[in-house]
Amino acid sequence: MFCKNCGAEIDDKAVACPHCGVATGNLATASSSNGTAVAGLIFAFIFPLIGLIVSCVGLSKSKSCNGKGKGCAIAGIIISILEMISGIGIITWWFLA
């Protein structure tokens, strides 16, 4: 493809011309959702340890997704920790009773 402003040959997927900076009309295909954070929240209810790990990954990924999924990731971390603490408490109570 050629730039409509300067005529330089550019990549077909380019969003802007690297020579003159004029937009080509192609839309950027950046990922705007954070499915990892949502998956971490779901796993937090079923498998708390896996939910904690996936939620931590989702929280770190939220920085590259413009903050999307940050709330789900934090909720997944909190729920995972609370479920693991309560699970340890129930198991301890069971064996001591």
C-alpha atoms as a PDB file:
ATOM      1  CA  MET A   1       0.000   0.000   0.000  1.00  0.00           C
ATOM      2  CA  PHE A   2       1.108   3.559  -0.590  1.00  0.00           C
ATOM      3  CA  CYS A   3       0.604   6.588   1.656  1.00  0.00           C
ATOM      4  CA  LYS A   4      -2.087   8.903   0.285  1.00  0.00           C
ATOM      5  CA  ASN A   5      -0.162  11.934   1.602  1.00  0.00           C
ATOM      6  CA  CYS A   6       3.515  11.396   0.707  1.00  0.00           C
ATOM      7  CA  GLY A   7       3.296   8.416  -1.679  1.00  0.00           C
ATOM      8  CA  ALA A   8       5.776   6.256   0.262  1.00  0.00           C
ATOM      9  CA  GLU A   9       5.262   2.504   0.283  1.00  0.00           C
ATOM     10  CA  ILE A  10       4.040   1.350   3.707  1.00  0.00           C
ATOM     11  CA  ASP A  11       2.828  -1.856   5.337  1.00  0.00           C
ATOM     12  CA  ASP A  12      -0.790  -2.774   4.598  1.00  0.00           C
ATOM     13  CA  LYS A  13      -1.538  -3.016   8.331  1.00  0.00           C
ATOM     14  CA  ALA A  14       0.055   0.318   9.251  1.00  0.00           C
ATOM     15  CA  VAL A  15      -2.116   2.690  11.264  1.00  0.00           C
ATOM     16  CA  ALA A  16      -0.030   5.713  10.278  1.00  0.00           C
ATOM     17  CA  CYS A  17       2.660   6.395   7.684  1.00  0.00           C
ATOM     18  CA  PRO A  18       6.116   6.019   9.288  1.00  0.00           C
ATOM     19  CA  HIS A  19       7.485   8.675   6.921  1.00  0.00           C
ATOM     20  CA  CYS A  20       5.019  11.558   7.270  1.00  0.00           C
ATOM     21  CA  GLY A  21       2.808  10.425  10.190  1.00  0.00           C
ATOM     22  CA  VAL A  22      -0.539  10.774   8.410  1.00  0.00           C
ATOM     23  CA  ALA A  23      -3.213   8.248   9.472  1.00  0.00           C
ATOM     24  CA  THR A  24      -3.927   5.524   6.933  1.00  0.00           C
ATOM     25  CA  GLY A  25      -7.480   4.828   8.067  1.00  0.00           C
ATOM     26  CA  ASN A  26      -6.650   1.360   9.437  1.00  0.00           C
ATOM     27  CA  LEU A  27      -7.896   0.820  12.956  1.00  0.00           C
ATOM     28  CA  ALA A  28      -5.523  -0.440  15.627  1.00  0.00           C
ATOM     29  CA  THR A  29      -6.304  -3.990  16.710  1.00  0.00           C
ATOM     30  CA  ALA A  30      -5.248  -3.677  20.327  1.00  0.00           C
ATOM     31  CA  SER A  31      -6.906  -5.969  22.832  1.00  0.00           C
ATOM     32  CA  SER A  32      -9.286  -3.915  24.920  1.00  0.00           C
ATOM     33  CA  SER A  33     -10.620  -6.589  27.247  1.00  0.00           C
ATOM     34  CA  ASN A  34      -9.013  -8.525  30.061  1.00  0.00           C
ATOM     35  CA  GLY A  35     -10.452 -12.032  30.026  1.00  0.00           C
ATOM     36  CA  THR A  36      -7.751 -13.228  32.395  1.00  0.00           C
ATOM     37  CA  ALA A  37      -9.152 -11.103  35.225  1.00  0.00           C
ATOM     38  CA  VAL A  38     -12.666 -12.440  34.656  1.00  0.00           C
ATOM     39  CA  ALA A  39     -11.377 -16.024  34.535  1.00  0.00           C
ATOM     40  CA  GLY A  40      -9.522 -15.421  37.808  1.00  0.00           C
ATOM     41  CA  LEU A  41     -12.715 -14.225  39.455  1.00  0.00           C
ATOM     42  CA  ILE A  42     -14.607 -17.306  38.285  1.00  0.00           C
ATOM     43  CA  PHE A  43     -11.829 -19.678  39.370  1.00  0.00           C
ATOM     44  CA  ALA A  44     -11.740 -17.973  42.779  1.00  0.00           C
ATOM     45  CA  PHE A  45     -15.110 -19.528  43.608  1.00  0.00           C
ATOM     46  CA  ILE A  46     -14.274 -23.011  42.313  1.00  0.00           C
ATOM     47  CA  PHE A  47     -10.513 -23.474  42.821  1.00  0.00           C
ATOM     48  CA  PRO A  48      -9.207 -20.708  45.104  1.00  0.00           C
ATOM     49  CA  LEU A  49      -5.493 -21.347  44.543  1.00  0.00           C
ATOM     50  CA  ILE A  50      -5.845 -21.313  40.757  1.00  0.00           C
ATOM     51  CA  GLY A  51      -8.138 -18.291  41.074  1.00  0.00           C
ATOM     52  CA  LEU A  52      -5.486 -16.457  43.090  1.00  0.00           C
ATOM     53  CA  ILE A  53      -2.795 -17.136  40.506  1.00  0.00           C
ATOM     54  CA  VAL A  54      -4.963 -16.246  37.493  1.00  0.00           C
ATOM     55  CA  SER A  55      -6.265 -13.115  39.232  1.00  0.00           C
ATOM     56  CA  CYS A  56      -2.706 -11.953  39.931  1.00  0.00           C
ATOM     57  CA  VAL A  57      -1.863 -12.439  36.261  1.00  0.00           C
ATOM     58  CA  GLY A  58      -5.048 -10.549  35.320  1.00  0.00           C
ATOM     59  CA  LEU A  59      -4.097  -7.695  37.634  1.00  0.00           C
ATOM     60  CA  SER A  60      -0.684  -7.344  36.022  1.00  0.00           C
ATOM     61  CA  LYS A  61      -2.289  -7.577  32.556  1.00  0.00           C
ATOM     62  CA  SER A  62      -4.764  -4.803  33.426  1.00  0.00           C
ATOM     63  CA  LYS A  63      -1.944  -2.266  33.134  1.00  0.00           C
ATOM     64  CA  SER A  64      -1.567  -3.056  29.434  1.00  0.00           C
ATOM     65  CA  CYS A  65      -5.371  -3.040  28.947  1.00  0.00           C
ATOM     66  CA  ASN A  66      -5.799   0.531  30.209  1.00  0.00           C
ATOM     67  CA  GLY A  67      -7.017  -0.640  33.599  1.00  0.00           C
ATOM     68  CA  LYS A  68      -9.770  -2.888  32.285  1.00  0.00           C
ATOM     69  CA  GLY A  69     -10.394  -5.879  34.512  1.00  0.00           C
ATOM     70  CA  LYS A  70      -8.581  -4.412  37.505  1.00  0.00           C
ATOM     71  CA  GLY A  71     -11.683  -4.622  39.714  1.00  0.00           C
ATOM     72  CA  CYS A  72     -12.386  -8.236  38.722  1.00  0.00           C
ATOM     73  CA  ALA A  73      -8.783  -9.186  39.389  1.00  0.00           C
ATOM     74  CA  ILE A  74      -8.751  -7.568  42.834  1.00  0.00           C
ATOM     75  CA  ALA A  75     -12.073  -9.200  43.699  1.00  0.00           C
ATOM     76  CA  GLY A  76     -10.700 -12.569  42.564  1.00  0.00           C
ATOM     77  CA  ILE A  77      -7.633 -12.143  44.764  1.00  0.00           C
ATOM     78  CA  ILE A  78      -9.698 -11.194  47.820  1.00  0.00           C
ATOM     79  CA  ILE A  79     -12.229 -14.000  47.333  1.00  0.00           C
ATOM     80  CA  SER A  80      -9.463 -16.569  46.769  1.00  0.00           C
ATOM     81  CA  ILE A  81      -7.644 -15.561  49.948  1.00  0.00           C
ATOM     82  CA  LEU A  82     -10.849 -15.561  52.019  1.00  0.00           C
ATOM     83  CA  GLU A  83     -11.847 -18.986  50.722  1.00  0.00           C
ATOM     84  CA  MET A  84      -8.414 -20.458  51.441  1.00  0.00           C
ATOM     85  CA  ILE A  85      -8.418 -19.024  54.984  1.00  0.00           C
ATOM     86  CA  SER A  86     -11.923 -20.315  55.661  1.00  0.00           C
ATOM     87  CA  GLY A  87     -11.022 -23.716  54.167  1.00  0.00           C
ATOM     88  CA  ILE A  88      -7.988 -24.002  56.413  1.00  0.00           C
ATOM     89  CA  GLY A  89     -10.142 -22.986  59.392  1.00  0.00           C
ATOM     90  CA  ILE A  90     -12.801 -25.598  58.629  1.00  0.00           C
ATOM     91  CA  ILE A  91     -10.205 -28.344  58.148  1.00  0.00           C
ATOM     92  CA  THR A  92      -8.438 -27.367  61.386  1.00  0.00           C
ATOM     93  CA  TRP A  93     -11.748 -27.312  63.272  1.00  0.00           C
ATOM     94  CA  TRP A  94     -12.671 -30.717  61.818  1.00  0.00           C
ATOM     95  CA  PHE A  95      -9.469 -32.363  63.007  1.00  0.00           C
ATOM     96  CA  LEU A  96      -9.447 -30.712  66.432  1.00  0.00           C
ATOM     97  CA  ALA A  97     -13.081 -31.496  67.231  1.00  0.00           C
END
